[in-house]
PDB file of N, CA and C in Angstrom:
ATOM      1  N   UNK A   1       5.052  10.589  21.180  1.00  0.00           N
ATOM      2  CA  UNK A   1       4.593  10.781  19.812  1.00  0.00           C
ATOM      3  C   UNK A   1       5.760  11.163  18.915  1.00  0.00           C
ATOM      4  N   UNK A   2       6.636  12.050  19.391  1.00  0.00           N
ATOM      5  CA  UNK A   2       7.771  12.484  18.585  1.00  0.00           C
ATOM      6  C   UNK A   2       8.681  11.300  18.266  1.00  0.00           C
ATOM      7  N   UNK A   3       8.963  10.517  19.284  1.00  0.00           N
ATOM      8  CA  UNK A   3       9.871   9.392  19.115  1.00  0.00           C
ATOM      9  C   UNK A   3       9.263   8.343  18.185  1.00  0.00           C
ATOM     10  N   UNK A   4       7.973   8.119  18.304  1.00  0.00           N
ATOM     11  CA  UNK A   4       7.297   7.149  17.440  1.00  0.00           C
ATOM     12  C   UNK A   4       7.376   7.602  15.986  1.00  0.00           C
ATOM     13  N   UNK A   5       7.110   8.874  15.735  1.00  0.00           N
ATOM     14  CA  UNK A   5       7.160   9.392  14.373  1.00  0.00           C
ATOM     15  C   UNK A   5       8.582   9.298  13.813  1.00  0.00           C
ATOM     16  N   UNK A   6       9.559   9.626  14.623  1.00  0.00           N
ATOM     17  CA  UNK A   6      10.954   9.569  14.168  1.00  0.00           C
ATOM     18  C   UNK A   6      11.367   8.130  13.873  1.00  0.00           C
ATOM     19  N   UNK A   7      10.977   7.207  14.735  1.00  0.00           N
ATOM     20  CA  UNK A   7      11.309   5.796  14.508  1.00  0.00           C
ATOM     21  C   UNK A   7      10.609   5.271  13.257  1.00  0.00           C
ATOM     22  N   UNK A   8       9.365   5.672  13.071  1.00  0.00           N
ATOM     23  CA  UNK A   8       8.621   5.224  11.899  1.00  0.00           C
ATOM     24  C   UNK A   8       9.278   5.736  10.625  1.00  0.00           C
ATOM     25  N   UNK A   9       9.670   7.001  10.613  1.00  0.00           N
ATOM     26  CA  UNK A   9      10.312   7.571   9.432  1.00  0.00           C
ATOM     27  C   UNK A   9      11.664   6.911   9.184  1.00  0.00           C
ATOM     28  N   UNK A  10      12.385   6.586  10.249  1.00  0.00           N
ATOM     29  CA  UNK A  10      13.663   5.901  10.085  1.00  0.00           C
ATOM     30  C   UNK A  10      13.458   4.522   9.467  1.00  0.00           C
ATOM     31  N   UNK A  11      12.438   3.809   9.945  1.00  0.00           N
ATOM     32  CA  UNK A  11      12.137   2.486   9.386  1.00  0.00           C
ATOM     33  C   UNK A  11      11.733   2.599   7.923  1.00  0.00           C
ATOM     34  N   UNK A  12      10.951   3.613   7.597  1.00  0.00           N
ATOM     35  CA  UNK A  12      10.528   3.824   6.217  1.00  0.00           C
ATOM     36  C   UNK A  12      11.738   4.118   5.327  1.00  0.00           C
ATOM     37  N   UNK A  13      12.615   4.980   5.786  1.00  0.00           N
ATOM     38  CA  UNK A  13      13.812   5.321   5.008  1.00  0.00           C
ATOM     39  C   UNK A  13      14.698   4.089   4.816  1.00  0.00           C
ATOM     40  N   UNK A  14      14.838   3.277   5.872  1.00  0.00           N
ATOM     41  CA  UNK A  14      15.642   2.061   5.769  1.00  0.00           C
ATOM     42  C   UNK A  14      15.019   1.081   4.783  1.00  0.00           C
ATOM     43  N   UNK A  15      13.708   0.968   4.813  1.00  0.00           N
ATOM     44  CA  UNK A  15      13.017   0.084   3.871  1.00  0.00           C
ATOM     45  C   UNK A  15      13.285   0.501   2.433  1.00  0.00           C
ATOM     46  N   UNK A  16      13.161   1.791   2.162  1.00  0.00           N
ATOM     47  CA  UNK A  16      13.426   2.281   0.812  1.00  0.00           C
ATOM     48  C   UNK A  16      14.891   2.083   0.434  1.00  0.00           C
ATOM     49  N   UNK A  17      15.781   2.273   1.376  1.00  0.00           N
ATOM     50  CA  UNK A  17      17.200   2.114   1.092  1.00  0.00           C
ATOM     51  C   UNK A  17      17.539   0.661   0.768  1.00  0.00           C
ATOM     52  N   UNK A  18      16.945  -0.264   1.510  1.00  0.00           N
ATOM     53  CA  UNK A  18      17.238  -1.680   1.289  1.00  0.00           C
ATOM     54  C   UNK A  18      16.665  -2.191  -0.022  1.00  0.00           C
ATOM     55  N   UNK A  19      15.611  -1.555  -0.501  1.00  0.00           N
ATOM     56  CA  UNK A  19      15.050  -1.978  -1.774  1.00  0.00           C
ATOM     57  C   UNK A  19      16.014  -1.693  -2.921  1.00  0.00           C
ATOM     58  N   UNK A  20      16.936  -0.798  -2.710  1.00  0.00           N
ATOM     59  CA  UNK A  20      17.920  -0.469  -3.729  1.00  0.00           C
ATOM     60  C   UNK A  20      19.073  -1.460  -3.789  1.00  0.00           C
ATOM     61  N   UNK A  21      19.066  -2.477  -2.952  1.00  0.00           N
ATOM     62  CA  UNK A  21      20.168  -3.446  -2.897  1.00  0.00           C
ATOM     63  C   UNK A  21      19.960  -4.642  -3.822  1.00  0.00           C
ATOM     64  N   UNK A  22      18.998  -4.583  -4.691  1.00  0.00           N
ATOM     65  CA  UNK A  22      18.736  -5.691  -5.605  1.00  0.00           C
ATOM     66  C   UNK A  22      19.680  -5.668  -6.787  1.00  0.00           C
ATOM     67  N   UNK A  23      19.265  -6.311  -7.867  1.00  0.00           N
ATOM     68  CA  UNK A  23      20.121  -6.399  -9.045  1.00  0.00           C
ATOM     69  C   UNK A  23      19.795  -5.344 -10.087  1.00  0.00           C
ATOM     70  N   UNK A  24      18.765  -4.558  -9.853  1.00  0.00           N
ATOM     71  CA  UNK A  24      18.410  -3.528 -10.820  1.00  0.00           C
ATOM     72  C   UNK A  24      19.338  -2.326 -10.691  1.00  0.00           C
ATOM     73  N   UNK A  25      19.334  -1.523 -11.723  1.00  0.00           N
ATOM     74  CA  UNK A  25      20.183  -0.326 -11.730  1.00  0.00           C
ATOM     75  C   UNK A  25      19.705   0.662 -10.675  1.00  0.00           C
ATOM     76  N   UNK A  26      20.602   1.495 -10.176  1.00  0.00           N
ATOM     77  CA  UNK A  26      20.198   2.500  -9.188  1.00  0.00           C
ATOM     78  C   UNK A  26      19.115   3.410  -9.755  1.00  0.00           C
ATOM     79  N   UNK A  27      18.173   3.765  -8.927  1.00  0.00           N
ATOM     80  CA  UNK A  27      17.076   4.633  -9.339  1.00  0.00           C
ATOM     81  C   UNK A  27      17.254   6.012  -8.719  1.00  0.00           C
ATOM     82  N   UNK A  28      16.577   6.960  -9.257  1.00  0.00           N
ATOM     83  CA  UNK A  28      16.618   8.314  -8.719  1.00  0.00           C
ATOM     84  C   UNK A  28      15.845   8.370  -7.415  1.00  0.00           C
ATOM     85  N   UNK A  29      16.319   9.141  -6.484  1.00  0.00           N
ATOM     86  CA  UNK A  29      15.627   9.289  -5.202  1.00  0.00           C
ATOM     87  C   UNK A  29      14.775  10.555  -5.184  1.00  0.00           C
ATOM     88  N   UNK A  30      14.641  11.200  -6.329  1.00  0.00           N
ATOM     89  CA  UNK A  30      13.876  12.448  -6.376  1.00  0.00           C
ATOM     90  C   UNK A  30      12.435  12.260  -5.921  1.00  0.00           C
ATOM     91  N   UNK A  31      11.809  11.155  -6.310  1.00  0.00           N
ATOM     92  CA  UNK A  31      10.423  10.904  -5.907  1.00  0.00           C
ATOM     93  C   UNK A  31      10.302  10.767  -4.404  1.00  0.00           C
ATOM     94  N   UNK A  32      11.201  10.011  -3.805  1.00  0.00           N
ATOM     95  CA  UNK A  32      11.196   9.853  -2.346  1.00  0.00           C
ATOM     96  C   UNK A  32      11.466  11.184  -1.664  1.00  0.00           C
ATOM     97  N   UNK A  33      12.381  11.957  -2.194  1.00  0.00           N
ATOM     98  CA  UNK A  33      12.702  13.260  -1.621  1.00  0.00           C
ATOM     99  C   UNK A  33      11.483  14.191  -1.661  1.00  0.00           C
ATOM    100  N   UNK A  34      10.707  14.113  -2.768  1.00  0.00           N
ATOM    101  CA  UNK A  34       9.512  14.955  -2.866  1.00  0.00           C
ATOM    102  C   UNK A  34       8.458  14.544  -1.847  1.00  0.00           C
ATOM    103  N   UNK A  35       8.331  13.240  -1.589  1.00  0.00           N
ATOM    104  CA  UNK A  35       7.325  12.758  -0.642  1.00  0.00           C
ATOM    105  C   UNK A  35       7.760  12.997   0.795  1.00  0.00           C
ATOM    106  N   UNK A  36       8.940  12.530   1.134  1.00  0.00           N
ATOM    107  CA  UNK A  36       9.413  12.612   2.519  1.00  0.00           C
ATOM    108  C   UNK A  36       9.994  13.974   2.831  1.00  0.00           C
ATOM    109  N   UNK A  37      10.635  14.595   1.884  1.00  0.00           N
ATOM    110  CA  UNK A  37      11.254  15.897   2.115  1.00  0.00           C
ATOM    111  C   UNK A  37      12.598  15.758   2.802  1.00  0.00           C
ATOM    112  N   UNK A  38      13.141  16.886   3.190  1.00  0.00           N
ATOM    113  CA  UNK A  38      14.443  16.892   3.861  1.00  0.00           C
ATOM    114  C   UNK A  38      14.351  17.523   5.240  1.00  0.00           C
ATOM    115  N   UNK A  39      13.141  17.694   5.735  1.00  0.00           N
ATOM    116  CA  UNK A  39      12.961  18.349   7.026  1.00  0.00           C
ATOM    117  C   UNK A  39      13.571  17.577   8.190  1.00  0.00           C
ATOM    118  N   UNK A  40      13.640  16.257   8.090  1.00  0.00           N
ATOM    119  CA  UNK A  40      14.142  15.464   9.216  1.00  0.00           C
ATOM    120  C   UNK A  40      15.642  15.593   9.428  1.00  0.00           C
ATOM    121  N   UNK A  41      16.347  16.096   8.438  1.00  0.00           N
ATOM    122  CA  UNK A  41      17.796  16.232   8.585  1.00  0.00           C
ATOM    123  C   UNK A  41      18.095  17.144   9.769  1.00  0.00           C
ATOM    124  N   UNK A  42      18.767  16.602  10.748  1.00  0.00           N
ATOM    125  CA  UNK A  42      19.151  17.363  11.931  1.00  0.00           C
ATOM    126  C   UNK A  42      18.071  17.482  12.998  1.00  0.00           C
ATOM    127  N   UNK A  43      16.846  17.034  12.730  1.00  0.00           N
ATOM    128  CA  UNK A  43      15.781  17.120  13.726  1.00  0.00           C
ATOM    129  C   UNK A  43      15.966  16.031  14.772  1.00  0.00           C
ATOM    130  N   UNK A  44      15.875  16.434  16.042  1.00  0.00           N
ATOM    131  CA  UNK A  44      16.031  15.481  17.127  1.00  0.00           C
ATOM    132  C   UNK A  44      14.792  15.391  18.002  1.00  0.00           C
ATOM    133  N   UNK A  45      13.799  16.217  17.724  1.00  0.00           N
ATOM    134  CA  UNK A  45      12.579  16.199  18.525  1.00  0.00           C
ATOM    135  C   UNK A  45      12.721  16.922  19.847  1.00  0.00           C
ATOM    136  N   UNK A  46      13.802  17.679  20.014  1.00  0.00           N
ATOM    137  CA  UNK A  46      14.074  18.327  21.291  1.00  0.00           C
ATOM    138  C   UNK A  46      13.476  19.730  21.393  1.00  0.00           C
ATOM    139  N   UNK A  47      13.103  20.310  20.282  1.00  0.00           N
ATOM    140  CA  UNK A  47      12.589  21.676  20.287  1.00  0.00           C
ATOM    141  C   UNK A  47      11.259  21.729  19.525  1.00  0.00           C
ATOM    142  N   UNK A  48      10.493  22.788  19.719  1.00  0.00           N
ATOM    143  CA  UNK A  48       9.264  22.933  18.935  1.00  0.00           C
ATOM    144  C   UNK A  48       9.537  22.952  17.422  1.00  0.00           C
ATOM    145  N   UNK A  49      10.637  23.540  16.992  1.00  0.00           N
ATOM    146  CA  UNK A  49      10.980  23.559  15.562  1.00  0.00           C
ATOM    147  C   UNK A  49      11.260  22.141  15.059  1.00  0.00           C
ATOM    148  N   UNK A  50      11.947  21.345  15.869  1.00  0.00           N
ATOM    149  CA  UNK A  50      12.183  19.949  15.495  1.00  0.00           C
ATOM    150  C   UNK A  50      10.859  19.209  15.333  1.00  0.00           C
ATOM    151  N   UNK A  51       9.932  19.445  16.238  1.00  0.00           N
ATOM    152  CA  UNK A  51       8.633  18.778  16.147  1.00  0.00           C
ATOM    153  C   UNK A  51       7.894  19.206  14.887  1.00  0.00           C
ATOM    154  N   UNK A  52       7.994  20.483  14.507  1.00  0.00           N
ATOM    155  CA  UNK A  52       7.362  20.941  13.275  1.00  0.00           C
ATOM    156  C   UNK A  52       7.974  20.225  12.060  1.00  0.00           C
ATOM    157  N   UNK A  53       9.294  20.019  12.091  1.00  0.00           N
ATOM    158  CA  UNK A  53       9.956  19.298  11.005  1.00  0.00           C
ATOM    159  C   UNK A  53       9.435  17.874  10.905  1.00  0.00           C
ATOM    160  N   UNK A  54       9.294  17.212  12.035  1.00  0.00           N
ATOM    161  CA  UNK A  54       8.767  15.849  12.060  1.00  0.00           C
ATOM    162  C   UNK A  54       7.328  15.838  11.559  1.00  0.00           C
ATOM    163  N   UNK A  55       6.531  16.784  12.014  1.00  0.00           N
ATOM    164  CA  UNK A  55       5.129  16.866  11.596  1.00  0.00           C
ATOM    165  C   UNK A  55       5.004  17.078  10.089  1.00  0.00           C
ATOM    166  N   UNK A  56       5.859  17.951   9.520  1.00  0.00           N
ATOM    167  CA  UNK A  56       5.811  18.194   8.072  1.00  0.00           C
ATOM    168  C   UNK A  56       6.137  16.919   7.297  1.00  0.00           C
ATOM    169  N   UNK A  57       7.065  16.133   7.816  1.00  0.00           N
ATOM    170  CA  UNK A  57       7.425  14.884   7.160  1.00  0.00           C
ATOM    171  C   UNK A  57       6.264  13.902   7.207  1.00  0.00           C
ATOM    172  N   UNK A  58       5.612  13.788   8.360  1.00  0.00           N
ATOM    173  CA  UNK A  58       4.471  12.877   8.503  1.00  0.00           C
ATOM    174  C   UNK A  58       3.348  13.296   7.558  1.00  0.00           C
ATOM    175  N   UNK A  59       3.105  14.584   7.444  1.00  0.00           N
ATOM    176  CA  UNK A  59       2.060  15.075   6.536  1.00  0.00           C
ATOM    177  C   UNK A  59       2.378  14.679   5.095  1.00  0.00           C
ATOM    178  N   UNK A  60       3.637  14.786   4.696  1.00  0.00           N
ATOM    179  CA  UNK A  60       4.023  14.408   3.333  1.00  0.00           C
ATOM    180  C   UNK A  60       3.807  12.934   3.064  1.00  0.00           C
ATOM    181  N   UNK A  61       4.158  12.098   4.031  1.00  0.00           N
ATOM    182  CA  UNK A  61       3.983  10.660   3.868  1.00  0.00           C
ATOM    183  C   UNK A  61       2.496  10.317   3.806  1.00  0.00           C
ATOM    184  N   UNK A  62       1.696  10.969   4.618  1.00  0.00           N
ATOM    185  CA  UNK A  62       0.249  10.730   4.592  1.00  0.00           C
ATOM    186  C   UNK A  62      -0.360  11.225   3.283  1.00  0.00           C
ATOM    187  N   UNK A  63       0.090  12.365   2.795  1.00  0.00           N
ATOM    188  CA  UNK A  63      -0.447  12.906   1.545  1.00  0.00           C
ATOM    189  C   UNK A  63      -0.135  11.990   0.366  1.00  0.00           C
ATOM    190  N   UNK A  64       0.976  11.297   0.431  1.00  0.00           N
ATOM    191  CA  UNK A  64       1.357  10.382  -0.640  1.00  0.00           C
ATOM    192  C   UNK A  64       0.704   9.010  -0.476  1.00  0.00           C
ATOM    193  N   UNK A  65      -0.134   8.874   0.520  1.00  0.00           N
ATOM    194  CA  UNK A  65      -0.841   7.629   0.856  1.00  0.00           C
ATOM    195  C   UNK A  65       0.100   6.447   1.049  1.00  0.00           C
ATOM    196  N   UNK A  66       1.266   6.732   1.631  1.00  0.00           N
ATOM    197  CA  UNK A  66       2.184   5.664   2.006  1.00  0.00           C
ATOM    198  C   UNK A  66       1.601   4.934   3.216  1.00  0.00           C
ATOM    199  N   UNK A  67       1.027   5.695   4.142  1.00  0.00           N
ATOM    200  CA  UNK A  67       0.363   5.120   5.309  1.00  0.00           C
ATOM    201  C   UNK A  67      -1.135   5.113   5.064  1.00  0.00           C
ATOM    202  N   UNK A  68      -1.843   4.254   5.776  1.00  0.00           N
ATOM    203  CA  UNK A  68      -3.299   4.211   5.659  1.00  0.00           C
ATOM    204  C   UNK A  68      -3.905   5.415   6.357  1.00  0.00           C
ATOM    205  N   UNK A  69      -5.178   5.654   6.091  1.00  0.00           N
ATOM    206  CA  UNK A  69      -5.880   6.765   6.727  1.00  0.00           C
ATOM    207  C   UNK A  69      -5.861   6.620   8.244  1.00  0.00           C
ATOM    208  N   UNK A  70      -6.058   5.408   8.744  1.00  0.00           N
ATOM    209  CA  UNK A  70      -6.050   5.167  10.194  1.00  0.00           C
ATOM    210  C   UNK A  70      -4.679   5.470  10.795  1.00  0.00           C
ATOM    211  N   UNK A  71      -3.613   5.085  10.095  1.00  0.00           N
ATOM    212  CA  UNK A  71      -2.264   5.364  10.596  1.00  0.00           C
ATOM    213  C   UNK A  71      -2.010   6.870  10.649  1.00  0.00           C
ATOM    214  N   UNK A  72      -2.452   7.579   9.629  1.00  0.00           N
ATOM    215  CA  UNK A  72      -2.262   9.022   9.601  1.00  0.00           C
ATOM    216  C   UNK A  72      -3.049   9.698  10.714  1.00  0.00           C
ATOM    217  N   UNK A  73      -4.265   9.214  10.960  1.00  0.00           N
ATOM    218  CA  UNK A  73      -5.063   9.791  12.043  1.00  0.00           C
ATOM    219  C   UNK A  73      -4.414   9.572  13.396  1.00  0.00           C
ATOM    220  N   UNK A  74      -3.716   8.439  13.576  1.00  0.00           N
ATOM    221  CA  UNK A  74      -3.010   8.213  14.832  1.00  0.00           C
ATOM    222  C   UNK A  74      -1.881   9.232  15.024  1.00  0.00           C
ATOM    223  N   UNK A  75      -1.363   9.754  13.915  1.00  0.00           N
ATOM    224  CA  UNK A  75      -0.324  10.785  13.987  1.00  0.00           C
ATOM    225  C   UNK A  75      -0.927  12.183  14.027  1.00  0.00           C
ATOM    226  N   UNK A  76      -2.254  12.264  14.037  1.00  0.00           N
ATOM    227  CA  UNK A  76      -2.907  13.550  14.116  1.00  0.00           C
ATOM    228  C   UNK A  76      -3.118  14.219  12.768  1.00  0.00           C
ATOM    229  N   UNK A  77      -2.896  13.482  11.687  1.00  0.00           N
ATOM    230  CA  UNK A  77      -3.081  14.037  10.351  1.00  0.00           C
ATOM    231  C   UNK A  77      -4.431  13.575   9.837  1.00  0.00           C
ATOM    232  N   UNK A  78      -5.268  14.512   9.465  1.00  0.00           N
ATOM    233  CA  UNK A  78      -6.593  14.179   8.945  1.00  0.00           C
ATOM    234  C   UNK A  78      -6.574  14.409   7.436  1.00  0.00           C
ATOM    235  N   UNK A  79      -7.290  13.602   6.715  1.00  0.00           N
ATOM    236  CA  UNK A  79      -7.302  13.872   5.294  1.00  0.00           C
ATOM    237  C   UNK A  79      -7.937  12.791   4.572  1.00  0.00           C
TER     238      UNK A  79
END
């Protein structure tokens, strides 16, 4: 579960990063930072604290309705 969440967040971050490679002017990342947060920085999933960081990130993404309700429930987030 930890590895799946980390891989999913990495894919999401890469997707957002690649969207900035178009011809439009650079945009602020403040909105993404508010949704995803900065908890994943340095988290490796090796400790209970790392898992809490991953969980907080998943909750933020689910709260912003980036993922569907079914996807969030698979991560254990209800809402």
